[in-house]
Amino acid sequence: MKKQSLKQVITSGDMIVAPGIYDMISALIADQMGFGALYVTGYGTVASYMGIPDAGLATYTDMLNRISRFSELTTTPIIADADTGYGGLLNVANTVKGYEKAGIAAIQLEDQEFPKKCGHTPGRKVIPAEDMVQKIQVACDSRKSDEFLIVARTDARSSLGIDEAIERAQLYADAGADIIFVESPESEEEMKKICDSVNKPTLANLVPGGRTPMLPARQLQEIGYAIAIHPVTGFLAAARSLEKSYSCLREGGDLDKSLDLYPFAKFNELIGFPEIWDFDKRYAK
């Protein structure tokens, strides 16, 4: 089944809610649920793959290996985090080419200094706006198709204020970015000001316990957003479930009957065991 382009989904006018995916189990489950897009969270992917913070330690190769597999086994358009582009302008060009070749629908690039820090965490610093404008121009020139979208993220709000963040957002939109992502607005008023000030589709990042108000999709669309990503919901839910189930085992060796476990038979179907069994029936001696 051919993937619909993210540009087509955005053009439809429907609000896109994109859950965060971080490993193949989360990707396969999210892919079958009818979302308009999936979002590869750098935080969750680095945590699940390397067990370390998302602090600029994962490389382009680390991420490309993961996103390529996500794209290969899903049919939903994928927005993928690419940090700062993993280096200078030449690195940005190479990253864009690699992500597009992997089948990703949109690449997210941010204006943080290297090494970057995860959004909604303290101490984020940004590069000069003109340097980020160059990165966006290189990204646009390096893609083969304008169906492959460039998401420009600014982290200027937390260190330089909302006005500077909006000014950067406008510059990035003028430079050719297809989607604008102002990280960490701190009120509904700021969120509306962002959407009213930018002439491109805007993206909201919703993190429980983060700086931005947790608003439902309907309200976000009324404010003016086109996309809402929920990067941490999946792995926080999984971590809580693992903690609870492992605690039951540790405390008594029995699983609490109140645990709501994913059915084993359904999980076998999710990861493709029926195809293996059919193969064995045809060819196994």
C-alpha atoms as a PDB file:
ATOM      1  CA  MET A   1       0.000   0.000   0.000  1.00  0.00           C
ATOM      2  CA  LYS A   2       1.468   3.335  -1.089  1.00  0.00           C
ATOM      3  CA  LYS A   3       1.799   5.989   1.580  1.00  0.00           C
ATOM      4  CA  GLN A   4      -0.228   9.148   1.261  1.00  0.00           C
ATOM      5  CA  SER A   5       2.013  12.209   1.319  1.00  0.00           C
ATOM      6  CA  LEU A   6       1.889  14.446   4.368  1.00  0.00           C
ATOM      7  CA  LYS A   7       1.295  17.396   2.070  1.00  0.00           C
ATOM      8  CA  GLN A   8      -1.947  15.739   0.894  1.00  0.00           C
ATOM      9  CA  VAL A   9      -3.048  15.165   4.485  1.00  0.00           C
ATOM     10  CA  ILE A  10      -2.371  18.792   5.419  1.00  0.00           C
ATOM     11  CA  THR A  11      -4.159  20.074   2.307  1.00  0.00           C
ATOM     12  CA  SER A  12      -7.278  18.144   3.309  1.00  0.00           C
ATOM     13  CA  GLY A  13      -7.708  20.581   6.199  1.00  0.00           C
ATOM     14  CA  ASP A  14      -8.120  17.883   8.828  1.00  0.00           C
ATOM     15  CA  MET A  15      -6.267  18.358  12.113  1.00  0.00           C
ATOM     16  CA  ILE A  16      -3.347  15.931  12.219  1.00  0.00           C
ATOM     17  CA  VAL A  17      -2.703  14.249  15.555  1.00  0.00           C
ATOM     18  CA  ALA A  18       0.597  12.376  15.423  1.00  0.00           C
ATOM     19  CA  PRO A  19       1.563   9.962  18.208  1.00  0.00           C
ATOM     20  CA  GLY A  20       5.209   9.522  19.056  1.00  0.00           C
ATOM     21  CA  ILE A  21       6.811   6.294  17.866  1.00  0.00           C
ATOM     22  CA  TYR A  22      10.155   5.160  19.239  1.00  0.00           C
ATOM     23  CA  ASP A  23      10.553   1.447  18.448  1.00  0.00           C
ATOM     24  CA  MET A  24       8.991  -1.050  16.066  1.00  0.00           C
ATOM     25  CA  ILE A  25       6.251  -2.133  18.478  1.00  0.00           C
ATOM     26  CA  SER A  26       5.029   1.445  18.930  1.00  0.00           C
ATOM     27  CA  ALA A  27       5.323   2.051  15.178  1.00  0.00           C
ATOM     28  CA  LEU A  28       3.311  -1.040  14.222  1.00  0.00           C
ATOM     29  CA  ILE A  29       0.566  -0.350  16.749  1.00  0.00           C
ATOM     30  CA  ALA A  30       0.245   3.337  15.827  1.00  0.00           C
ATOM     31  CA  ASP A  31       0.295   2.556  12.101  1.00  0.00           C
ATOM     32  CA  GLN A  32      -2.883   0.473  12.277  1.00  0.00           C
ATOM     33  CA  MET A  33      -4.911   3.080  14.149  1.00  0.00           C
ATOM     34  CA  GLY A  34      -5.723   5.562  11.389  1.00  0.00           C
ATOM     35  CA  PHE A  35      -3.632   8.587  12.411  1.00  0.00           C
ATOM     36  CA  GLY A  36      -2.870  11.244   9.808  1.00  0.00           C
ATOM     37  CA  ALA A  37       0.847  11.008  10.616  1.00  0.00           C
ATOM     38  CA  LEU A  38       3.321   9.403  12.989  1.00  0.00           C
ATOM     39  CA  TYR A  39       6.103  11.295  14.747  1.00  0.00           C
ATOM     40  CA  VAL A  40       9.544   9.783  15.348  1.00  0.00           C
ATOM     41  CA  THR A  41      10.514  11.198  18.726  1.00  0.00           C
ATOM     42  CA  GLY A  42      14.235  11.715  19.147  1.00  0.00           C
ATOM     43  CA  TYR A  43      13.885  11.531  22.924  1.00  0.00           C
ATOM     44  CA  GLY A  44      12.070   8.190  22.847  1.00  0.00           C
ATOM     45  CA  THR A  45      14.111   6.684  20.032  1.00  0.00           C
ATOM     46  CA  VAL A  46      17.437   7.500  21.686  1.00  0.00           C
ATOM     47  CA  ALA A  47      16.142   6.265  25.057  1.00  0.00           C
ATOM     48  CA  SER A  48      14.840   2.963  23.662  1.00  0.00           C
ATOM     49  CA  TYR A  49      17.808   2.333  21.376  1.00  0.00           C
ATOM     50  CA  MET A  50      20.718   3.591  23.499  1.00  0.00           C
ATOM     51  CA  GLY A  51      19.315   4.066  26.999  1.00  0.00           C
ATOM     52  CA  ILE A  52      20.698   7.612  27.247  1.00  0.00           C
ATOM     53  CA  PRO A  53      19.290  11.170  27.209  1.00  0.00           C
ATOM     54  CA  ASP A  54      18.438  12.936  23.968  1.00  0.00           C
ATOM     55  CA  ALA A  55      21.322  15.388  24.296  1.00  0.00           C
ATOM     56  CA  GLY A  56      23.034  15.358  20.924  1.00  0.00           C
ATOM     57  CA  LEU A  57      24.726  11.995  21.532  1.00  0.00           C
ATOM     58  CA  ALA A  58      22.909   9.975  18.870  1.00  0.00           C
ATOM     59  CA  THR A  59      24.399  10.228  15.385  1.00  0.00           C
ATOM     60  CA  TYR A  60      22.871  10.560  11.942  1.00  0.00           C
ATOM     61  CA  THR A  61      23.597   6.873  11.356  1.00  0.00           C
ATOM     62  CA  ASP A  62      21.898   5.877  14.613  1.00  0.00           C
ATOM     63  CA  MET A  63      18.727   7.697  13.640  1.00  0.00           C
ATOM     64  CA  LEU A  64      18.752   6.740   9.958  1.00  0.00           C
ATOM     65  CA  ASN A  65      18.882   3.050  10.839  1.00  0.00           C
ATOM     66  CA  ARG A  66      15.833   3.412  13.066  1.00  0.00           C
ATOM     67  CA  ILE A  67      13.703   5.634  10.847  1.00  0.00           C
ATOM     68  CA  SER A  68      14.417   3.496   7.782  1.00  0.00           C
ATOM     69  CA  ARG A  69      12.899   0.482   9.524  1.00  0.00           C
ATOM     70  CA  PHE A  70       9.953   2.520  10.806  1.00  0.00           C
ATOM     71  CA  SER A  71       9.228   3.701   7.269  1.00  0.00           C
ATOM     72  CA  GLU A  72       9.692   0.282   5.682  1.00  0.00           C
ATOM     73  CA  LEU A  73       7.048  -1.433   7.817  1.00  0.00           C
ATOM     74  CA  THR A  74       4.399   1.298   8.074  1.00  0.00           C
ATOM     75  CA  THR A  75       1.990   2.988   5.675  1.00  0.00           C
ATOM     76  CA  THR A  76       1.263   6.213   7.590  1.00  0.00           C
ATOM     77  CA  PRO A  77       3.248   9.368   6.706  1.00  0.00           C
ATOM     78  CA  ILE A  78       6.132   9.867   9.149  1.00  0.00           C
ATOM     79  CA  ILE A  79       7.573  13.106  10.522  1.00  0.00           C
ATOM     80  CA  ALA A  80      11.080  12.422  11.811  1.00  0.00           C
ATOM     81  CA  ASP A  81      13.259  14.384  14.203  1.00  0.00           C
ATOM     82  CA  ALA A  82      16.727  15.150  12.784  1.00  0.00           C
ATOM     83  CA  ASP A  83      18.004  17.426  15.565  1.00  0.00           C
ATOM     84  CA  THR A  84      20.242  20.171  14.106  1.00  0.00           C
ATOM     85  CA  GLY A  85      20.967  18.240  10.913  1.00  0.00           C
ATOM     86  CA  TYR A  86      23.934  16.489  12.565  1.00  0.00           C
ATOM     87  CA  GLY A  87      26.513  19.131  11.721  1.00  0.00           C
ATOM     88  CA  GLY A  88      27.139  21.926   9.215  1.00  0.00           C
ATOM     89  CA  LEU A  89      25.458  22.704   5.932  1.00  0.00           C
ATOM     90  CA  LEU A  90      26.965  19.718   4.125  1.00  0.00           C
ATOM     91  CA  ASN A  91      25.687  17.460   6.913  1.00  0.00           C
ATOM     92  CA  VAL A  92      22.228  18.984   6.583  1.00  0.00           C
ATOM     93  CA  ALA A  93      22.202  18.231   2.856  1.00  0.00           C
ATOM     94  CA  ASN A  94      23.278  14.642   3.477  1.00  0.00           C
ATOM     95  CA  THR A  95      20.704  14.189   6.243  1.00  0.00           C
ATOM     96  CA  VAL A  96      17.867  15.478   4.086  1.00  0.00           C
ATOM     97  CA  LYS A  97      18.843  13.139   1.247  1.00  0.00           C
ATOM     98  CA  GLY A  98      19.069  10.169   3.606  1.00  0.00           C
ATOM     99  CA  TYR A  99      15.730  10.810   5.294  1.00  0.00           C
ATOM    100  CA  GLU A 100      13.959  11.351   1.977  1.00  0.00           C
ATOM    101  CA  LYS A 101      15.465   8.184   0.494  1.00  0.00           C
ATOM    102  CA  ALA A 102      14.301   6.268   3.590  1.00  0.00           C
ATOM    103  CA  GLY A 103      10.699   7.165   2.775  1.00  0.00           C
ATOM    104  CA  ILE A 104      10.108   9.723   5.517  1.00  0.00           C
ATOM    105  CA  ALA A 105       7.390  12.301   4.761  1.00  0.00           C
ATOM    106  CA  ALA A 106       8.903  15.243   6.657  1.00  0.00           C
ATOM    107  CA  ILE A 107      12.192  16.061   8.369  1.00  0.00           C
ATOM    108  CA  GLN A 108      12.360  18.242  11.477  1.00  0.00           C
ATOM    109  CA  LEU A 109      15.388  20.539  11.829  1.00  0.00           C
ATOM    110  CA  GLU A 110      15.976  22.848  14.776  1.00  0.00           C
ATOM    111  CA  ASP A 111      17.972  26.011  15.463  1.00  0.00           C
ATOM    112  CA  GLN A 112      19.700  24.896  18.649  1.00  0.00           C
ATOM    113  CA  GLU A 113      23.428  25.054  19.224  1.00  0.00           C
ATOM    114  CA  PHE A 114      25.285  21.738  19.129  1.00  0.00           C
ATOM    115  CA  PRO A 115      25.076  19.635  21.201  1.00  0.00           C
ATOM    116  CA  LYS A 116      21.331  20.110  21.306  1.00  0.00           C
ATOM    117  CA  LYS A 117      19.067  19.559  24.295  1.00  0.00           C
ATOM    118  CA  CYS A 118      15.637  18.027  24.363  1.00  0.00           C
ATOM    119  CA  GLY A 119      12.682  20.408  24.077  1.00  0.00           C
ATOM    120  CA  HIS A 120      10.849  21.415  27.268  1.00  0.00           C
ATOM    121  CA  THR A 121      14.132  20.963  29.194  1.00  0.00           C
ATOM    122  CA  PRO A 122      16.288  23.856  30.518  1.00  0.00           C
ATOM    123  CA  GLY A 123      19.476  25.313  29.084  1.00  0.00           C
ATOM    124  CA  ARG A 124      18.634  25.310  25.372  1.00  0.00           C
ATOM    125  CA  LYS A 125      20.621  27.833  23.320  1.00  0.00           C
ATOM    126  CA  VAL A 126      20.022  28.795  19.712  1.00  0.00           C
ATOM    127  CA  ILE A 127      22.285  29.631  16.795  1.00  0.00           C
ATOM    128  CA  PRO A 128      21.974  32.952  14.934  1.00  0.00           C
ATOM    129  CA  ALA A 129      18.759  33.079  12.914  1.00  0.00           C
ATOM    130  CA  GLU A 130      20.650  33.674   9.653  1.00  0.00           C
ATOM    131  CA  ASP A 131      22.544  30.405  10.171  1.00  0.00           C
ATOM    132  CA  MET A 132      19.284  28.508  10.517  1.00  0.00           C
ATOM    133  CA  VAL A 133      17.907  30.252   7.422  1.00  0.00           C
ATOM    134  CA  GLN A 134      20.880  28.856   5.509  1.00  0.00           C
ATOM    135  CA  LYS A 135      20.179  25.372   6.835  1.00  0.00           C
ATOM    136  CA  ILE A 136      16.581  25.599   5.651  1.00  0.00           C
ATOM    137  CA  GLN A 137      17.651  26.809   2.211  1.00  0.00           C
ATOM    138  CA  VAL A 138      20.137  23.933   1.923  1.00  0.00           C
ATOM    139  CA  ALA A 139      17.451  21.476   3.059  1.00  0.00           C
ATOM    140  CA  CYS A 140      15.011  22.730   0.437  1.00  0.00           C
ATOM    141  CA  ASP A 141      17.641  22.603  -2.310  1.00  0.00           C
ATOM    142  CA  SER A 142      18.751  19.081  -1.313  1.00  0.00           C
ATOM    143  CA  ARG A 143      15.406  17.317  -1.499  1.00  0.00           C
ATOM    144  CA  LYS A 144      14.326  15.640  -4.710  1.00  0.00           C
ATOM    145  CA  SER A 145      10.598  16.286  -4.307  1.00  0.00           C
ATOM    146  CA  ASP A 146       8.617  19.066  -2.696  1.00  0.00           C
ATOM    147  CA  GLU A 147       6.344  16.320  -1.357  1.00  0.00           C
ATOM    148  CA  PHE A 148       9.136  15.778   1.188  1.00  0.00           C
ATOM    149  CA  LEU A 149       8.453  18.506   3.731  1.00  0.00           C
ATOM    150  CA  ILE A 150      10.824  20.589   5.841  1.00  0.00           C
ATOM    151  CA  VAL A 151       9.741  21.252   9.428  1.00  0.00           C
ATOM    152  CA  ALA A 152      11.660  24.198  10.912  1.00  0.00           C
ATOM    153  CA  ARG A 153      11.757  24.294  14.690  1.00  0.00           C
ATOM    154  CA  THR A 154      12.910  27.198  16.828  1.00  0.00           C
ATOM    155  CA  ASP A 155      13.798  26.834  20.501  1.00  0.00           C
ATOM    156  CA  ALA A 156      14.177  30.589  20.989  1.00  0.00           C
ATOM    157  CA  ARG A 157      11.069  31.002  23.169  1.00  0.00           C
ATOM    158  CA  SER A 158      12.630  29.679  26.363  1.00  0.00           C
ATOM    159  CA  SER A 159      15.837  31.731  26.228  1.00  0.00           C
ATOM    160  CA  LEU A 160      14.973  34.795  24.118  1.00  0.00           C
ATOM    161  CA  GLY A 161      11.201  35.216  24.496  1.00  0.00           C
ATOM    162  CA  ILE A 162       8.102  34.746  22.386  1.00  0.00           C
ATOM    163  CA  ASP A 163       8.660  37.768  20.119  1.00  0.00           C
ATOM    164  CA  GLU A 164      12.107  36.539  19.060  1.00  0.00           C
ATOM    165  CA  ALA A 165      10.689  33.052  18.512  1.00  0.00           C
ATOM    166  CA  ILE A 166       7.933  34.407  16.256  1.00  0.00           C
ATOM    167  CA  GLU A 167      10.393  36.582  14.339  1.00  0.00           C
ATOM    168  CA  ARG A 168      12.502  33.497  13.684  1.00  0.00           C
ATOM    169  CA  ALA A 169       9.429  31.506  12.693  1.00  0.00           C
ATOM    170  CA  GLN A 170       8.595  34.121  10.067  1.00  0.00           C
ATOM    171  CA  LEU A 171      12.167  34.089   8.738  1.00  0.00           C
ATOM    172  CA  TYR A 172      12.155  30.314   8.515  1.00  0.00           C
ATOM    173  CA  ALA A 173       8.831  30.308   6.693  1.00  0.00           C
ATOM    174  CA  ASP A 174      10.181  32.861   4.206  1.00  0.00           C
ATOM    175  CA  ALA A 175      13.299  30.708   3.732  1.00  0.00           C
ATOM    176  CA  GLY A 176      11.153  27.866   2.427  1.00  0.00           C
ATOM    177  CA  ALA A 177      10.207  25.719   5.416  1.00  0.00           C
ATOM    178  CA  ASP A 178       6.884  23.972   4.831  1.00  0.00           C
ATOM    179  CA  ILE A 179       5.850  23.609   8.483  1.00  0.00           C
ATOM    180  CA  ILE A 180       6.766  25.854  11.398  1.00  0.00           C
ATOM    181  CA  PHE A 181       7.378  24.498  14.885  1.00  0.00           C
ATOM    182  CA  VAL A 182       7.814  27.042  17.682  1.00  0.00           C
ATOM    183  CA  GLU A 183       8.859  24.966  20.668  1.00  0.00           C
ATOM    184  CA  SER A 184       7.552  25.554  24.198  1.00  0.00           C
ATOM    185  CA  PRO A 185       4.990  28.372  24.028  1.00  0.00           C
ATOM    186  CA  GLU A 186       3.800  28.847  27.584  1.00  0.00           C
ATOM    187  CA  SER A 187       0.159  29.930  27.224  1.00  0.00           C
ATOM    188  CA  GLU A 188      -2.822  29.686  24.908  1.00  0.00           C
ATOM    189  CA  GLU A 189      -2.291  33.355  24.082  1.00  0.00           C
ATOM    190  CA  GLU A 190       1.244  32.662  22.895  1.00  0.00           C
ATOM    191  CA  MET A 191       0.056  29.698  20.856  1.00  0.00           C
ATOM    192  CA  LYS A 192      -2.559  31.808  19.100  1.00  0.00           C
ATOM    193  CA  LYS A 193      -0.036  34.590  18.475  1.00  0.00           C
ATOM    194  CA  ILE A 194       2.266  32.088  16.777  1.00  0.00           C
ATOM    195  CA  CYS A 195      -0.444  30.757  14.477  1.00  0.00           C
ATOM    196  CA  ASP A 196      -1.691  34.252  13.624  1.00  0.00           C
ATOM    197  CA  SER A 197       1.839  35.435  12.773  1.00  0.00           C
ATOM    198  CA  VAL A 198       3.019  32.641  10.478  1.00  0.00           C
ATOM    199  CA  ASN A 199       1.774  32.031   6.935  1.00  0.00           C
ATOM    200  CA  LYS A 200       2.654  28.329   6.918  1.00  0.00           C
ATOM    201  CA  PRO A 201       1.096  25.307   8.690  1.00  0.00           C
ATOM    202  CA  THR A 202       2.111  25.240  12.339  1.00  0.00           C
ATOM    203  CA  LEU A 203       2.923  22.350  14.655  1.00  0.00           C
ATOM    204  CA  ALA A 204       2.253  22.053  18.398  1.00  0.00           C
ATOM    205  CA  ASN A 205       4.333  19.827  20.662  1.00  0.00           C
ATOM    206  CA  LEU A 206       2.328  18.465  23.600  1.00  0.00           C
ATOM    207  CA  VAL A 207       4.313  17.018  26.495  1.00  0.00           C
ATOM    208  CA  PRO A 208       2.596  16.109  29.800  1.00  0.00           C
ATOM    209  CA  GLY A 209       4.423  18.087  32.478  1.00  0.00           C
ATOM    210  CA  GLY A 210       6.047  20.328  29.855  1.00  0.00           C
ATOM    211  CA  ARG A 211       5.799  24.082  29.323  1.00  0.00           C
ATOM    212  CA  THR A 212       2.991  24.137  26.748  1.00  0.00           C
ATOM    213  CA  PRO A 213      -0.691  23.828  27.739  1.00  0.00           C
ATOM    214  CA  MET A 214      -2.128  20.374  27.022  1.00  0.00           C
ATOM    215  CA  LEU A 215      -5.055  21.202  24.740  1.00  0.00           C
ATOM    216  CA  PRO A 216      -7.370  18.839  22.814  1.00  0.00           C
ATOM    217  CA  ALA A 217      -7.082  18.607  19.041  1.00  0.00           C
ATOM    218  CA  ARG A 218     -10.321  20.500  18.445  1.00  0.00           C
ATOM    219  CA  GLN A 219      -9.082  23.509  20.426  1.00  0.00           C
ATOM    220  CA  LEU A 220      -5.666  23.428  18.780  1.00  0.00           C
ATOM    221  CA  GLN A 221      -7.317  23.523  15.374  1.00  0.00           C
ATOM    222  CA  GLU A 222      -9.457  26.474  16.444  1.00  0.00           C
ATOM    223  CA  ILE A 223      -6.292  28.304  17.532  1.00  0.00           C
ATOM    224  CA  GLY A 224      -4.811  27.656  14.088  1.00  0.00           C
ATOM    225  CA  TYR A 225      -2.543  24.626  14.358  1.00  0.00           C
ATOM    226  CA  ALA A 226      -2.377  22.051  11.564  1.00  0.00           C
ATOM    227  CA  ILE A 227      -0.450  19.347  13.438  1.00  0.00           C
ATOM    228  CA  ALA A 228      -0.215  18.232  17.062  1.00  0.00           C
ATOM    229  CA  ILE A 229       2.553  15.825  18.000  1.00  0.00           C
ATOM    230  CA  HIS A 230       2.491  13.762  21.192  1.00  0.00           C
ATOM    231  CA  PRO A 231       6.084  12.505  21.339  1.00  0.00           C
ATOM    232  CA  VAL A 232       6.241  11.105  24.864  1.00  0.00           C
ATOM    233  CA  THR A 233       2.775   9.621  25.451  1.00  0.00           C
ATOM    234  CA  GLY A 234       3.615   6.177  24.101  1.00  0.00           C
ATOM    235  CA  PHE A 235       6.851   5.520  25.915  1.00  0.00           C
ATOM    236  CA  LEU A 236       5.635   7.026  29.195  1.00  0.00           C
ATOM    237  CA  ALA A 237       2.602   4.724  29.062  1.00  0.00           C
ATOM    238  CA  ALA A 238       4.811   1.762  28.200  1.00  0.00           C
ATOM    239  CA  ALA A 239       7.262   2.572  30.997  1.00  0.00           C
ATOM    240  CA  ARG A 240       4.434   2.747  33.553  1.00  0.00           C
ATOM    241  CA  SER A 241       2.974  -0.546  32.333  1.00  0.00           C
ATOM    242  CA  LEU A 242       6.371  -2.251  32.475  1.00  0.00           C
ATOM    243  CA  GLU A 243       6.991  -0.932  35.968  1.00  0.00           C
ATOM    244  CA  LYS A 244       3.616  -2.190  37.168  1.00  0.00           C
ATOM    245  CA  SER A 245       3.859  -5.641  35.574  1.00  0.00           C
ATOM    246  CA  TYR A 246       7.457  -6.226  36.648  1.00  0.00           C
ATOM    247  CA  SER A 247       6.567  -5.141  40.187  1.00  0.00           C
ATOM    248  CA  CYS A 248       3.842  -7.798  40.280  1.00  0.00           C
ATOM    249  CA  LEU A 249       6.383 -10.422  39.276  1.00  0.00           C
ATOM    250  CA  ARG A 250       8.972  -9.201  41.754  1.00  0.00           C
ATOM    251  CA  GLU A 251       6.565  -9.052  44.680  1.00  0.00           C
ATOM    252  CA  GLY A 252       4.836 -12.380  44.257  1.00  0.00           C
ATOM    253  CA  GLY A 253       5.687 -14.031  40.988  1.00  0.00           C
ATOM    254  CA  ASP A 254       2.101 -13.683  39.749  1.00  0.00           C
ATOM    255  CA  LEU A 255       0.679 -11.130  37.367  1.00  0.00           C
ATOM    256  CA  ASP A 256      -2.024  -8.998  38.948  1.00  0.00           C
ATOM    257  CA  LYS A 257      -5.347  -9.851  37.296  1.00  0.00           C
ATOM    258  CA  SER A 258      -6.033  -6.115  37.048  1.00  0.00           C
ATOM    259  CA  LEU A 259      -3.172  -5.714  34.545  1.00  0.00           C
ATOM    260  CA  ASP A 260      -4.546  -4.881  31.120  1.00  0.00           C
ATOM    261  CA  LEU A 261      -2.088  -6.806  28.942  1.00  0.00           C
ATOM    262  CA  TYR A 262      -2.019  -6.764  25.160  1.00  0.00           C
ATOM    263  CA  PRO A 263      -3.337 -10.180  24.029  1.00  0.00           C
ATOM    264  CA  PHE A 264      -0.551 -12.569  23.066  1.00  0.00           C
ATOM    265  CA  ALA A 265      -2.468 -13.855  20.028  1.00  0.00           C
ATOM    266  CA  LYS A 266      -3.050 -10.308  18.785  1.00  0.00           C
ATOM    267  CA  PHE A 267       0.628  -9.462  19.301  1.00  0.00           C
ATOM    268  CA  ASN A 268       1.600 -12.464  17.176  1.00  0.00           C
ATOM    269  CA  GLU A 269      -0.543 -11.006  14.399  1.00  0.00           C
ATOM    270  CA  LEU A 270       0.935  -7.527  14.891  1.00  0.00           C
ATOM    271  CA  ILE A 271       4.489  -8.659  14.233  1.00  0.00           C
ATOM    272  CA  GLY A 272       3.615 -11.022  11.383  1.00  0.00           C
ATOM    273  CA  PHE A 273       3.689 -14.552  12.761  1.00  0.00           C
ATOM    274  CA  PRO A 274       0.718 -15.708  10.621  1.00  0.00           C
ATOM    275  CA  GLU A 275       2.851 -15.164   7.499  1.00  0.00           C
ATOM    276  CA  ILE A 276       5.629 -17.272   9.048  1.00  0.00           C
ATOM    277  CA  TRP A 277       3.182 -20.054   9.879  1.00  0.00           C
ATOM    278  CA  ASP A 278       1.750 -19.992   6.351  1.00  0.00           C
ATOM    279  CA  PHE A 279       5.276 -20.192   4.970  1.00  0.00           C
ATOM    280  CA  ASP A 280       6.056 -23.192   7.157  1.00  0.00           C
ATOM    281  CA  LYS A 281       2.912 -24.982   5.990  1.00  0.00           C
ATOM    282  CA  ARG A 282       3.967 -24.516   2.372  1.00  0.00           C
ATOM    283  CA  TYR A 283       7.672 -25.271   2.598  1.00  0.00           C
ATOM    284  CA  ALA A 284       8.647 -26.867   5.906  1.00  0.00           C
ATOM    285  CA  LYS A 285       9.596 -30.531   5.656  1.00  0.00           C
END
